[in-house]
Amino acid sequence: MTAPIFHFKSQLLGRTIKWGWDDQIKQYWKTWHPKVSNIVLIDEVEKELRSKVKRELYDDIMNPPSKKKGNYFN
């Protein structure tokens, strides 16, 4: 089985980057709580920005925007 690759549009970088999880088994567990350290950036990101981009991605995953009830088409 190949590792799934995800895409994320970073506001810090102004572009989309590819990323994945370091543990390819636990990512499917419903009880798993990932940490910033579990994120693997696949695309090249400057060393100084890597931790900031990982934190931005982690915050986006853990705090998704709320859905408006009954207004799914706007």
N, C-alpha and C. Protein backbone atom coordinates (compact mmCIF):
# COMPACT_ATOMS: atom_id res chain seq x y z
N MET A 1 0.85 -1.17 0.00
CA MET A 1 0.00 0.00 0.00
C MET A 1 0.90 1.24 0.00
N THR A 2 0.58 2.17 -0.86
CA THR A 2 1.36 3.40 -0.92
C THR A 2 0.80 4.41 0.06
N ALA A 3 1.67 5.26 0.53
CA ALA A 3 1.27 6.28 1.50
C ALA A 3 0.44 7.36 0.80
N PRO A 4 -0.70 7.74 1.38
CA PRO A 4 -1.49 8.81 0.78
C PRO A 4 -0.77 10.15 0.89
N ILE A 5 -0.92 10.94 -0.14
CA ILE A 5 -0.32 12.28 -0.16
C ILE A 5 -1.46 13.28 -0.15
N PHE A 6 -1.37 14.25 0.75
CA PHE A 6 -2.38 15.28 0.88
C PHE A 6 -1.84 16.61 0.38
N HIS A 7 -2.73 17.54 0.11
CA HIS A 7 -2.34 18.87 -0.36
C HIS A 7 -2.89 19.92 0.60
N PHE A 8 -2.13 20.97 0.80
CA PHE A 8 -2.51 22.05 1.71
C PHE A 8 -2.05 23.38 1.13
N LYS A 9 -2.97 24.35 1.06
CA LYS A 9 -2.61 25.68 0.58
C LYS A 9 -2.14 26.51 1.77
N SER A 10 -0.86 26.79 1.83
CA SER A 10 -0.27 27.53 2.93
C SER A 10 -0.39 29.03 2.70
N GLN A 11 -0.88 29.72 3.71
CA GLN A 11 -0.95 31.18 3.66
C GLN A 11 0.45 31.78 3.82
N LEU A 12 1.30 31.12 4.60
CA LEU A 12 2.66 31.61 4.81
C LEU A 12 3.50 31.56 3.54
N LEU A 13 3.35 30.47 2.77
CA LEU A 13 4.14 30.30 1.56
C LEU A 13 3.45 30.87 0.32
N GLY A 14 2.12 30.96 0.38
CA GLY A 14 1.38 31.45 -0.78
C GLY A 14 1.28 30.42 -1.90
N ARG A 15 1.42 29.15 -1.55
CA ARG A 15 1.32 28.08 -2.55
C ARG A 15 0.84 26.79 -1.88
N THR A 16 0.51 25.82 -2.70
CA THR A 16 0.07 24.53 -2.21
C THR A 16 1.27 23.62 -2.02
N ILE A 17 1.28 22.89 -0.92
CA ILE A 17 2.36 21.95 -0.64
C ILE A 17 1.78 20.55 -0.44
N LYS A 18 2.62 19.54 -0.67
CA LYS A 18 2.24 18.16 -0.44
C LYS A 18 2.75 17.74 0.93
N TRP A 19 1.95 16.93 1.62
CA TRP A 19 2.34 16.47 2.94
C TRP A 19 1.70 15.11 3.22
N GLY A 20 2.14 14.48 4.31
CA GLY A 20 1.58 13.20 4.74
C GLY A 20 1.85 13.01 6.23
N TRP A 21 1.41 11.87 6.74
CA TRP A 21 1.64 11.52 8.14
C TRP A 21 2.84 10.60 8.23
N ASP A 22 3.59 10.67 9.32
CA ASP A 22 4.76 9.80 9.49
C ASP A 22 4.37 8.37 9.81
N ASP A 23 3.22 8.14 10.40
CA ASP A 23 2.76 6.79 10.74
C ASP A 23 1.59 6.43 9.83
N GLN A 24 1.81 5.51 8.91
CA GLN A 24 0.80 5.17 7.92
C GLN A 24 -0.28 4.23 8.45
N ILE A 25 -0.12 3.71 9.66
CA ILE A 25 -1.13 2.85 10.26
C ILE A 25 -2.05 3.66 11.16
N LYS A 26 -1.47 4.42 12.07
CA LYS A 26 -2.25 5.16 13.06
C LYS A 26 -3.16 6.21 12.43
N GLN A 27 -2.83 6.71 11.25
CA GLN A 27 -3.65 7.75 10.65
C GLN A 27 -5.09 7.30 10.39
N TYR A 28 -5.33 6.01 10.40
CA TYR A 28 -6.68 5.49 10.18
C TYR A 28 -7.42 5.16 11.48
N TRP A 29 -6.74 5.25 12.60
CA TRP A 29 -7.38 4.99 13.89
C TRP A 29 -8.28 6.16 14.27
N LYS A 30 -9.47 5.88 14.72
CA LYS A 30 -10.39 6.95 15.14
C LYS A 30 -9.96 7.60 16.45
N THR A 31 -9.18 6.90 17.25
CA THR A 31 -8.77 7.43 18.55
C THR A 31 -7.41 8.11 18.53
N TRP A 32 -6.75 8.14 17.38
CA TRP A 32 -5.40 8.72 17.28
C TRP A 32 -5.48 10.24 17.28
N HIS A 33 -4.67 10.87 18.10
CA HIS A 33 -4.57 12.33 18.15
C HIS A 33 -3.18 12.72 17.64
N PRO A 34 -3.11 13.18 16.40
CA PRO A 34 -1.80 13.52 15.83
C PRO A 34 -1.17 14.73 16.50
N LYS A 35 0.15 14.80 16.37
CA LYS A 35 0.92 15.94 16.87
C LYS A 35 1.58 16.62 15.68
N VAL A 36 2.07 17.81 15.90
CA VAL A 36 2.78 18.55 14.85
C VAL A 36 3.95 17.71 14.34
N SER A 37 4.61 17.01 15.24
CA SER A 37 5.77 16.20 14.86
C SER A 37 5.41 15.02 13.95
N ASN A 38 4.12 14.65 13.85
CA ASN A 38 3.70 13.56 12.98
C ASN A 38 3.53 14.00 11.52
N ILE A 39 3.58 15.30 11.26
CA ILE A 39 3.41 15.82 9.90
C ILE A 39 4.73 15.73 9.15
N VAL A 40 4.67 15.21 7.93
CA VAL A 40 5.84 15.12 7.07
C VAL A 40 5.58 15.99 5.84
N LEU A 41 6.40 17.00 5.64
CA LEU A 41 6.28 17.84 4.45
C LEU A 41 7.04 17.17 3.31
N ILE A 42 6.34 16.92 2.21
CA ILE A 42 6.95 16.24 1.07
C ILE A 42 7.63 17.24 0.15
N ASP A 43 6.99 18.37 -0.09
CA ASP A 43 7.60 19.42 -0.91
C ASP A 43 8.69 20.14 -0.15
N GLU A 44 9.64 20.67 -0.89
CA GLU A 44 10.73 21.43 -0.27
C GLU A 44 10.19 22.74 0.32
N VAL A 45 10.54 22.98 1.57
CA VAL A 45 10.19 24.21 2.27
C VAL A 45 11.46 24.68 2.96
N GLU A 46 11.71 25.98 2.92
CA GLU A 46 12.91 26.52 3.55
C GLU A 46 12.97 26.08 5.01
N LYS A 47 14.17 25.79 5.46
CA LYS A 47 14.37 25.26 6.81
C LYS A 47 13.78 26.18 7.88
N GLU A 48 13.90 27.50 7.68
CA GLU A 48 13.40 28.46 8.67
C GLU A 48 11.87 28.46 8.76
N LEU A 49 11.19 28.04 7.69
CA LEU A 49 9.73 28.09 7.65
C LEU A 49 9.06 26.74 7.94
N ARG A 50 9.81 25.67 7.96
CA ARG A 50 9.22 24.33 8.10
C ARG A 50 8.33 24.21 9.34
N SER A 51 8.83 24.62 10.50
CA SER A 51 8.04 24.47 11.72
C SER A 51 6.81 25.36 11.70
N LYS A 52 6.91 26.55 11.12
CA LYS A 52 5.75 27.45 11.03
C LYS A 52 4.69 26.89 10.09
N VAL A 53 5.11 26.31 8.97
CA VAL A 53 4.17 25.71 8.02
C VAL A 53 3.50 24.49 8.64
N LYS A 54 4.27 23.67 9.35
CA LYS A 54 3.69 22.51 10.02
C LYS A 54 2.65 22.95 11.05
N ARG A 55 2.94 23.99 11.81
CA ARG A 55 2.00 24.50 12.82
C ARG A 55 0.75 25.05 12.14
N GLU A 56 0.92 25.76 11.03
CA GLU A 56 -0.22 26.29 10.28
C GLU A 56 -1.11 25.15 9.79
N LEU A 57 -0.51 24.10 9.25
CA LEU A 57 -1.25 22.94 8.77
C LEU A 57 -1.95 22.23 9.92
N TYR A 58 -1.25 22.01 11.02
CA TYR A 58 -1.82 21.34 12.19
C TYR A 58 -3.03 22.11 12.73
N ASP A 59 -2.90 23.42 12.84
CA ASP A 59 -4.02 24.24 13.32
C ASP A 59 -5.22 24.15 12.38
N ASP A 60 -4.96 24.08 11.08
CA ASP A 60 -6.04 23.96 10.10
C ASP A 60 -6.74 22.61 10.22
N ILE A 61 -5.97 21.56 10.48
CA ILE A 61 -6.55 20.22 10.63
C ILE A 61 -7.37 20.12 11.92
N MET A 62 -6.81 20.61 13.01
CA MET A 62 -7.46 20.46 14.30
C MET A 62 -8.59 21.45 14.54
N ASN A 63 -8.62 22.56 13.81
CA ASN A 63 -9.65 23.59 13.97
C ASN A 63 -10.26 23.95 12.62
N PRO A 64 -11.00 23.01 12.01
CA PRO A 64 -11.58 23.31 10.70
C PRO A 64 -12.64 24.40 10.80
N PRO A 65 -12.88 25.13 9.71
CA PRO A 65 -13.92 26.16 9.75
C PRO A 65 -15.28 25.52 10.00
N SER A 66 -16.12 26.20 10.73
CA SER A 66 -17.44 25.65 11.05
C SER A 66 -18.34 25.72 9.82
N LYS A 67 -19.24 24.75 9.73
CA LYS A 67 -20.20 24.72 8.63
C LYS A 67 -21.45 25.48 9.03
N LYS A 68 -22.00 26.21 8.10
CA LYS A 68 -23.26 26.89 8.35
C LYS A 68 -24.39 25.90 8.12
N LYS A 69 -25.21 25.70 9.12
CA LYS A 69 -26.30 24.74 9.00
C LYS A 69 -27.33 25.23 7.98
N GLY A 70 -27.69 24.35 7.07
CA GLY A 70 -28.72 24.66 6.09
C GLY A 70 -28.27 25.59 4.98
N ASN A 71 -26.99 25.91 4.92
CA ASN A 71 -26.51 26.84 3.91
C ASN A 71 -25.27 26.26 3.24
N TYR A 72 -25.40 25.03 2.74
CA TYR A 72 -24.25 24.31 2.22
C TYR A 72 -23.83 24.73 0.82
N PHE A 73 -24.68 25.46 0.10
CA PHE A 73 -24.39 25.78 -1.28
C PHE A 73 -23.76 27.15 -1.46
N ASN A 74 -23.52 27.89 -0.41
CA ASN A 74 -22.92 29.22 -0.55
C ASN A 74 -21.48 29.20 -0.14
